[in-house]
Amino acid sequence: MSILHVPHYSHHDLHGSIRVSLEKALHAVVAALTAVTPAAKRSEAPAAARKQKDIRALLSLASRHEDVSPSLAAELRFIARQ
């Protein structure tokens, strides 16, 4: 006696799984085609402008504290260069 199990697939089950696979593939293709990549490029420009603004603020803060705490001013300038 052997233990051999041959699963029985009906034509309906096979057709349903193919349909589901095709729907998933079509959904993936549509999602890939409608993905918007230029939005990432648009967000880079404000980030660079914000970084420049932060650097200017640190340098301004350093110049205001130069007389009171020269070491703090030096640290702020160092941080701005990073």
PDB file of N, CA and C in Angstrom:
ATOM      1  N   MET A   1       0.843  -1.164   0.000  1.00  0.00           N
ATOM      2  CA  MET A   1       0.000   0.000   0.000  1.00  0.00           C
ATOM      3  C   MET A   1       0.893   1.233   0.000  1.00  0.00           C
ATOM      4  N   SER A   2       0.583   2.193  -0.837  1.00  0.00           N
ATOM      5  CA  SER A   2       1.371   3.419  -0.888  1.00  0.00           C
ATOM      6  C   SER A   2       0.505   4.603  -0.469  1.00  0.00           C
ATOM      7  N   ILE A   3       1.151   5.580   0.037  1.00  0.00           N
ATOM      8  CA  ILE A   3       0.434   6.789   0.444  1.00  0.00           C
ATOM      9  C   ILE A   3       0.705   7.840  -0.622  1.00  0.00           C
ATOM     10  N   LEU A   4      -0.148   7.926  -1.553  1.00  0.00           N
ATOM     11  CA  LEU A   4      -0.019   8.879  -2.632  1.00  0.00           C
ATOM     12  C   LEU A   4      -1.320   9.643  -2.728  1.00  0.00           C
ATOM     13  N   HIS A   5      -1.201  10.927  -2.559  1.00  0.00           N
ATOM     14  CA  HIS A   5      -2.410  11.754  -2.604  1.00  0.00           C
ATOM     15  C   HIS A   5      -2.330  12.635  -3.837  1.00  0.00           C
ATOM     16  N   VAL A   6      -3.245  12.478  -4.720  1.00  0.00           N
ATOM     17  CA  VAL A   6      -3.312  13.303  -5.908  1.00  0.00           C
ATOM     18  C   VAL A   6      -4.462  14.275  -5.702  1.00  0.00           C
ATOM     19  N   PRO A   7      -4.134  15.548  -5.546  1.00  0.00           N
ATOM     20  CA  PRO A   7      -5.215  16.501  -5.308  1.00  0.00           C
ATOM     21  C   PRO A   7      -6.092  16.643  -6.545  1.00  0.00           C
ATOM     22  N   HIS A   8      -7.324  16.876  -6.296  1.00  0.00           N
ATOM     23  CA  HIS A   8      -8.284  17.019  -7.382  1.00  0.00           C
ATOM     24  C   HIS A   8      -8.605  18.499  -7.549  1.00  0.00           C
ATOM     25  N   TYR A   9      -8.263  19.022  -8.697  1.00  0.00           N
ATOM     26  CA  TYR A   9      -8.573  20.410  -8.996  1.00  0.00           C
ATOM     27  C   TYR A   9      -9.667  20.440 -10.041  1.00  0.00           C
ATOM     28  N   SER A  10     -10.655  21.188  -9.750  1.00  0.00           N
ATOM     29  CA  SER A  10     -11.691  21.336 -10.758  1.00  0.00           C
ATOM     30  C   SER A  10     -11.299  22.442 -11.725  1.00  0.00           C
ATOM     31  N   HIS A  11     -11.904  22.458 -12.856  1.00  0.00           N
ATOM     32  CA  HIS A  11     -11.637  23.494 -13.850  1.00  0.00           C
ATOM     33  C   HIS A  11     -12.002  24.862 -13.287  1.00  0.00           C
ATOM     34  N   HIS A  12     -13.024  24.940 -12.462  1.00  0.00           N
ATOM     35  CA  HIS A  12     -13.456  26.203 -11.879  1.00  0.00           C
ATOM     36  C   HIS A  12     -12.388  26.761 -10.944  1.00  0.00           C
ATOM     37  N   ASP A  13     -11.769  25.906 -10.115  1.00  0.00           N
ATOM     38  CA  ASP A  13     -10.719  26.357  -9.201  1.00  0.00           C
ATOM     39  C   ASP A  13      -9.508  26.879  -9.967  1.00  0.00           C
ATOM     40  N   LEU A  14      -9.126  26.186 -11.011  1.00  0.00           N
ATOM     41  CA  LEU A  14      -7.987  26.594 -11.810  1.00  0.00           C
ATOM     42  C   LEU A  14      -8.258  27.923 -12.494  1.00  0.00           C
ATOM     43  N   HIS A  15      -9.438  28.092 -13.032  1.00  0.00           N
ATOM     44  CA  HIS A  15      -9.796  29.336 -13.709  1.00  0.00           C
ATOM     45  C   HIS A  15      -9.822  30.502 -12.713  1.00  0.00           C
ATOM     46  N   GLY A  16     -10.330  30.259 -11.520  1.00  0.00           N
ATOM     47  CA  GLY A  16     -10.388  31.307 -10.496  1.00  0.00           C
ATOM     48  C   GLY A  16      -9.007  31.765 -10.061  1.00  0.00           C
ATOM     49  N   SER A  17      -8.080  30.832  -9.897  1.00  0.00           N
ATOM     50  CA  SER A  17      -6.741  31.215  -9.454  1.00  0.00           C
ATOM     51  C   SER A  17      -6.000  31.978 -10.552  1.00  0.00           C
ATOM     52  N   ILE A  18      -6.233  31.612 -11.796  1.00  0.00           N
ATOM     53  CA  ILE A  18      -5.613  32.357 -12.893  1.00  0.00           C
ATOM     54  C   ILE A  18      -6.180  33.760 -12.953  1.00  0.00           C
ATOM     55  N   ARG A  19      -7.474  33.891 -12.756  1.00  0.00           N
ATOM     56  CA  ARG A  19      -8.112  35.203 -12.783  1.00  0.00           C
ATOM     57  C   ARG A  19      -7.570  36.073 -11.652  1.00  0.00           C
ATOM     58  N   VAL A  20      -7.432  35.492 -10.485  1.00  0.00           N
ATOM     59  CA  VAL A  20      -6.895  36.248  -9.342  1.00  0.00           C
ATOM     60  C   VAL A  20      -5.461  36.676  -9.612  1.00  0.00           C
ATOM     61  N   SER A  21      -4.665  35.786 -10.186  1.00  0.00           N
ATOM     62  CA  SER A  21      -3.277  36.129 -10.504  1.00  0.00           C
ATOM     63  C   SER A  21      -3.214  37.238 -11.543  1.00  0.00           C
ATOM     64  N   LEU A  22      -4.060  37.168 -12.550  1.00  0.00           N
ATOM     65  CA  LEU A  22      -4.087  38.216 -13.565  1.00  0.00           C
ATOM     66  C   LEU A  22      -4.541  39.549 -12.981  1.00  0.00           C
ATOM     67  N   GLU A  23      -5.503  39.517 -12.078  1.00  0.00           N
ATOM     68  CA  GLU A  23      -5.955  40.756 -11.440  1.00  0.00           C
ATOM     69  C   GLU A  23      -4.828  41.381 -10.614  1.00  0.00           C
ATOM     70  N   LYS A  24      -4.097  40.546  -9.894  1.00  0.00           N
ATOM     71  CA  LYS A  24      -2.980  41.061  -9.093  1.00  0.00           C
ATOM     72  C   LYS A  24      -1.895  41.657  -9.986  1.00  0.00           C
ATOM     73  N   ALA A  25      -1.598  40.971 -11.089  1.00  0.00           N
ATOM     74  CA  ALA A  25      -0.576  41.465 -12.010  1.00  0.00           C
ATOM     75  C   ALA A  25      -1.012  42.781 -12.643  1.00  0.00           C
ATOM     76  N   LEU A  26      -2.268  42.864 -13.046  1.00  0.00           N
ATOM     77  CA  LEU A  26      -2.785  44.088 -13.645  1.00  0.00           C
ATOM     78  C   LEU A  26      -2.755  45.238 -12.636  1.00  0.00           C
ATOM     79  N   HIS A  27      -3.114  44.929 -11.405  1.00  0.00           N
ATOM     80  CA  HIS A  27      -3.077  45.949 -10.356  1.00  0.00           C
ATOM     81  C   HIS A  27      -1.643  46.450 -10.147  1.00  0.00           C
ATOM     82  N   ALA A  28      -0.678  45.542 -10.164  1.00  0.00           N
ATOM     83  CA  ALA A  28       0.720  45.935  -9.982  1.00  0.00           C
ATOM     84  C   ALA A  28       1.206  46.800 -11.135  1.00  0.00           C
ATOM     85  N   VAL A  29       0.790  46.460 -12.361  1.00  0.00           N
ATOM     86  CA  VAL A  29       1.195  47.250 -13.525  1.00  0.00           C
ATOM     87  C   VAL A  29       0.607  48.653 -13.446  1.00  0.00           C
ATOM     88  N   VAL A  30      -0.666  48.754 -13.090  1.00  0.00           N
ATOM     89  CA  VAL A  30      -1.321  50.063 -12.983  1.00  0.00           C
ATOM     90  C   VAL A  30      -0.660  50.886 -11.882  1.00  0.00           C
ATOM     91  N   ALA A  31      -0.343  50.252 -10.770  1.00  0.00           N
ATOM     92  CA  ALA A  31       0.307  50.965  -9.669  1.00  0.00           C
ATOM     93  C   ALA A  31       1.688  51.466 -10.088  1.00  0.00           C
ATOM     94  N   ALA A  32       2.412  50.663 -10.864  1.00  0.00           N
ATOM     95  CA  ALA A  32       3.735  51.076 -11.317  1.00  0.00           C
ATOM     96  C   ALA A  32       3.648  52.223 -12.327  1.00  0.00           C
ATOM     97  N   LEU A  33       2.649  52.179 -13.181  1.00  0.00           N
ATOM     98  CA  LEU A  33       2.507  53.229 -14.188  1.00  0.00           C
ATOM     99  C   LEU A  33       2.038  54.547 -13.597  1.00  0.00           C
ATOM    100  N   THR A  34       1.276  54.489 -12.535  1.00  0.00           N
ATOM    101  CA  THR A  34       0.742  55.713 -11.945  1.00  0.00           C
ATOM    102  C   THR A  34       1.598  56.249 -10.809  1.00  0.00           C
ATOM    103  N   ALA A  35       2.715  55.583 -10.521  1.00  0.00           N
ATOM    104  CA  ALA A  35       3.598  56.067  -9.462  1.00  0.00           C
ATOM    105  C   ALA A  35       4.217  57.384  -9.917  1.00  0.00           C
ATOM    106  N   VAL A  36       4.233  58.351  -9.015  1.00  0.00           N
ATOM    107  CA  VAL A  36       4.727  59.689  -9.350  1.00  0.00           C
ATOM    108  C   VAL A  36       6.105  59.850  -8.724  1.00  0.00           C
ATOM    109  N   THR A  37       7.134  59.867  -9.538  1.00  0.00           N
ATOM    110  CA  THR A  37       8.488  60.046  -9.016  1.00  0.00           C
ATOM    111  C   THR A  37       8.943  61.500  -9.013  1.00  0.00           C
ATOM    112  N   PRO A  38       8.444  62.391  -9.871  1.00  0.00           N
ATOM    113  CA  PRO A  38       8.919  63.773  -9.804  1.00  0.00           C
ATOM    114  C   PRO A  38       8.596  64.469  -8.486  1.00  0.00           C
ATOM    115  N   ALA A  39       7.661  63.981  -7.716  1.00  0.00           N
ATOM    116  CA  ALA A  39       7.336  64.601  -6.428  1.00  0.00           C
ATOM    117  C   ALA A  39       8.548  64.565  -5.497  1.00  0.00           C
ATOM    118  N   ALA A  40       9.347  63.528  -5.578  1.00  0.00           N
ATOM    119  CA  ALA A  40      10.536  63.441  -4.743  1.00  0.00           C
ATOM    120  C   ALA A  40      11.533  64.529  -5.126  1.00  0.00           C
ATOM    121  N   LYS A  41      11.635  64.831  -6.412  1.00  0.00           N
ATOM    122  CA  LYS A  41      12.553  65.879  -6.844  1.00  0.00           C
ATOM    123  C   LYS A  41      12.075  67.244  -6.385  1.00  0.00           C
ATOM    124  N   ARG A  42      10.760  67.441  -6.367  1.00  0.00           N
ATOM    125  CA  ARG A  42      10.232  68.719  -5.903  1.00  0.00           C
ATOM    126  C   ARG A  42      10.513  68.920  -4.420  1.00  0.00           C
ATOM    127  N   SER A  43      10.544  67.854  -3.644  1.00  0.00           N
ATOM    128  CA  SER A  43      10.766  68.000  -2.211  1.00  0.00           C
ATOM    129  C   SER A  43      12.235  68.223  -1.877  1.00  0.00           C
ATOM    130  N   GLU A  44      13.152  67.959  -2.821  1.00  0.00           N
ATOM    131  CA  GLU A  44      14.567  68.172  -2.549  1.00  0.00           C
ATOM    132  C   GLU A  44      14.921  69.654  -2.496  1.00  0.00           C
ATOM    133  N   ALA A  45      14.302  70.459  -3.336  1.00  0.00           N
ATOM    134  CA  ALA A  45      14.626  71.885  -3.378  1.00  0.00           C
ATOM    135  C   ALA A  45      14.283  72.589  -2.065  1.00  0.00           C
ATOM    136  N   PRO A  46      13.098  72.391  -1.488  1.00  0.00           N
ATOM    137  CA  PRO A  46      12.828  73.037  -0.199  1.00  0.00           C
ATOM    138  C   PRO A  46      13.758  72.540   0.909  1.00  0.00           C
ATOM    139  N   ALA A  47      14.164  71.285   0.850  1.00  0.00           N
ATOM    140  CA  ALA A  47      15.072  70.764   1.874  1.00  0.00           C
ATOM    141  C   ALA A  47      16.423  71.457   1.797  1.00  0.00           C
ATOM    142  N   ALA A  48      16.914  71.685   0.584  1.00  0.00           N
ATOM    143  CA  ALA A  48      18.196  72.377   0.426  1.00  0.00           C
ATOM    144  C   ALA A  48      18.091  73.827   0.874  1.00  0.00           C
ATOM    145  N   ALA A  49      16.973  74.468   0.556  1.00  0.00           N
ATOM    146  CA  ALA A  49      16.772  75.855   0.985  1.00  0.00           C
ATOM    147  C   ALA A  49      16.666  75.935   2.506  1.00  0.00           C
ATOM    148  N   ARG A  50      15.995  74.949   3.102  1.00  0.00           N
ATOM    149  CA  ARG A  50      15.856  74.919   4.563  1.00  0.00           C
ATOM    150  C   ARG A  50      17.217  74.715   5.224  1.00  0.00           C
ATOM    151  N   LYS A  51      18.069  73.887   4.604  1.00  0.00           N
ATOM    152  CA  LYS A  51      19.399  73.651   5.164  1.00  0.00           C
ATOM    153  C   LYS A  51      20.234  74.933   5.120  1.00  0.00           C
ATOM    154  N   GLN A  52      20.167  75.660   4.013  1.00  0.00           N
ATOM    155  CA  GLN A  52      20.896  76.925   3.901  1.00  0.00           C
ATOM    156  C   GLN A  52      20.391  77.939   4.924  1.00  0.00           C
ATOM    157  N   LYS A  53      19.080  77.960   5.138  1.00  0.00           N
ATOM    158  CA  LYS A  53      18.504  78.880   6.122  1.00  0.00           C
ATOM    159  C   LYS A  53      18.990  78.526   7.527  1.00  0.00           C
ATOM    160  N   ASP A  54      19.073  77.220   7.839  1.00  0.00           N
ATOM    161  CA  ASP A  54      19.563  76.791   9.149  1.00  0.00           C
ATOM    162  C   ASP A  54      21.033  77.156   9.340  1.00  0.00           C
ATOM    163  N   ILE A  55      21.813  77.015   8.286  1.00  0.00           N
ATOM    164  CA  ILE A  55      23.233  77.370   8.372  1.00  0.00           C
ATOM    165  C   ILE A  55      23.388  78.861   8.644  1.00  0.00           C
ATOM    166  N   ARG A  56      22.612  79.678   7.917  1.00  0.00           N
ATOM    167  CA  ARG A  56      22.683  81.133   8.150  1.00  0.00           C
ATOM    168  C   ARG A  56      22.262  81.480   9.577  1.00  0.00           C
ATOM    169  N   ALA A  57      21.251  80.777  10.103  1.00  0.00           N
ATOM    170  CA  ALA A  57      20.791  81.043  11.469  1.00  0.00           C
ATOM    171  C   ALA A  57      21.873  80.680  12.485  1.00  0.00           C
ATOM    172  N   LEU A  58      22.558  79.553  12.265  1.00  0.00           N
ATOM    173  CA  LEU A  58      23.636  79.166  13.181  1.00  0.00           C
ATOM    174  C   LEU A  58      24.785  80.165  13.146  1.00  0.00           C
ATOM    175  N   LEU A  59      25.141  80.626  11.954  1.00  0.00           N
ATOM    176  CA  LEU A  59      26.230  81.598  11.849  1.00  0.00           C
ATOM    177  C   LEU A  59      25.844  82.934  12.477  1.00  0.00           C
ATOM    178  N   SER A  60      24.593  83.317  12.332  1.00  0.00           N
ATOM    179  CA  SER A  60      24.115  84.546  12.956  1.00  0.00           C
ATOM    180  C   SER A  60      24.139  84.416  14.479  1.00  0.00           C
ATOM    181  N   LEU A  61      23.720  83.287  14.966  1.00  0.00           N
ATOM    182  CA  LEU A  61      23.734  83.042  16.414  1.00  0.00           C
ATOM    183  C   LEU A  61      25.168  83.049  16.944  1.00  0.00           C
ATOM    184  N   ALA A  62      26.070  82.486  16.158  1.00  0.00           N
ATOM    185  CA  ALA A  62      27.481  82.477  16.575  1.00  0.00           C
ATOM    186  C   ALA A  62      28.031  83.890  16.660  1.00  0.00           C
ATOM    187  N   SER A  63      27.695  84.738  15.706  1.00  0.00           N
ATOM    188  CA  SER A  63      28.224  86.109  15.743  1.00  0.00           C
ATOM    189  C   SER A  63      27.628  86.903  16.912  1.00  0.00           C
ATOM    190  N   ARG A  64      26.382  86.594  17.300  1.00  0.00           N
ATOM    191  CA  ARG A  64      25.777  87.290  18.437  1.00  0.00           C
ATOM    192  C   ARG A  64      26.416  86.880  19.760  1.00  0.00           C
ATOM    193  N   HIS A  65      26.941  85.651  19.845  1.00  0.00           N
ATOM    194  CA  HIS A  65      27.529  85.158  21.097  1.00  0.00           C
ATOM    195  C   HIS A  65      29.054  85.246  21.114  1.00  0.00           C
ATOM    196  N   GLU A  66      29.647  85.864  20.130  1.00  0.00           N
ATOM    197  CA  GLU A  66      31.113  85.947  20.039  1.00  0.00           C
ATOM    198  C   GLU A  66      31.718  86.678  21.234  1.00  0.00           C
ATOM    199  N   ASP A  67      31.102  87.784  21.663  1.00  0.00           N
ATOM    200  CA  ASP A  67      31.657  88.565  22.777  1.00  0.00           C
ATOM    201  C   ASP A  67      31.447  87.871  24.119  1.00  0.00           C
ATOM    202  N   VAL A  68      30.303  87.216  24.279  1.00  0.00           N
ATOM    203  CA  VAL A  68      29.964  86.604  25.569  1.00  0.00           C
ATOM    204  C   VAL A  68      30.652  85.263  25.757  1.00  0.00           C
ATOM    205  N   SER A  69      30.607  84.429  24.723  1.00  0.00           N
ATOM    206  CA  SER A  69      31.171  83.083  24.835  1.00  0.00           C
ATOM    207  C   SER A  69      31.842  82.687  23.512  1.00  0.00           C
ATOM    208  N   PRO A  70      33.123  82.975  23.390  1.00  0.00           N
ATOM    209  CA  PRO A  70      33.813  82.655  22.140  1.00  0.00           C
ATOM    210  C   PRO A  70      33.848  81.157  21.825  1.00  0.00           C
ATOM    211  N   SER A  71      33.919  80.332  22.845  1.00  0.00           N
ATOM    212  CA  SER A  71      33.957  78.889  22.586  1.00  0.00           C
ATOM    213  C   SER A  71      32.605  78.396  22.043  1.00  0.00           C
ATOM    214  N   LEU A  72      31.501  78.959  22.560  1.00  0.00           N
ATOM    215  CA  LEU A  72      30.182  78.601  22.040  1.00  0.00           C
ATOM    216  C   LEU A  72      30.039  79.055  20.587  1.00  0.00           C
ATOM    217  N   ALA A  73      30.539  80.242  20.296  1.00  0.00           N
ATOM    218  CA  ALA A  73      30.477  80.743  18.926  1.00  0.00           C
ATOM    219  C   ALA A  73      31.288  79.849  17.988  1.00  0.00           C
ATOM    220  N   ALA A  74      32.451  79.397  18.452  1.00  0.00           N
ATOM    221  CA  ALA A  74      33.268  78.502  17.631  1.00  0.00           C
ATOM    222  C   ALA A  74      32.554  77.176  17.395  1.00  0.00           C
ATOM    223  N   GLU A  75      31.900  76.664  18.434  1.00  0.00           N
ATOM    224  CA  GLU A  75      31.150  75.411  18.271  1.00  0.00           C
ATOM    225  C   GLU A  75      29.997  75.572  17.294  1.00  0.00           C
ATOM    226  N   LEU A  76      29.293  76.688  17.375  1.00  0.00           N
ATOM    227  CA  LEU A  76      28.177  76.926  16.453  1.00  0.00           C
ATOM    228  C   LEU A  76      28.671  77.026  15.010  1.00  0.00           C
ATOM    229  N   ARG A  77      29.799  77.653  14.801  1.00  0.00           N
ATOM    230  CA  ARG A  77      30.366  77.731  13.447  1.00  0.00           C
ATOM    231  C   ARG A  77      30.792  76.349  12.952  1.00  0.00           C
ATOM    232  N   PHE A  78      31.338  75.541  13.865  1.00  0.00           N
ATOM    233  CA  PHE A  78      31.736  74.193  13.510  1.00  0.00           C
ATOM    234  C   PHE A  78      30.512  73.363  13.105  1.00  0.00           C
ATOM    235  N   ILE A  79      29.445  73.485  13.875  1.00  0.00           N
ATOM    236  CA  ILE A  79      28.206  72.767  13.556  1.00  0.00           C
ATOM    237  C   ILE A  79      27.640  73.227  12.214  1.00  0.00           C
ATOM    238  N   ALA A  80      27.730  74.501  11.935  1.00  0.00           N
ATOM    239  CA  ALA A  80      27.216  75.029  10.670  1.00  0.00           C
ATOM    240  C   ALA A  80      28.005  74.481   9.479  1.00  0.00           C
ATOM    241  N   ARG A  81      29.287  74.218   9.676  1.00  0.00           N
ATOM    242  CA  ARG A  81      30.102  73.690   8.569  1.00  0.00           C
ATOM    243  C   ARG A  81      29.819  72.226   8.287  1.00  0.00           C
ATOM    244  N   GLN A  82      29.263  71.527   9.233  1.00  0.00           N
ATOM    245  CA  GLN A  82      29.020  70.080   9.067  1.00  0.00           C
ATOM    246  C   GLN A  82      27.964  69.790   8.053  1.00  0.00           C
TER     247      GLN A  82
END
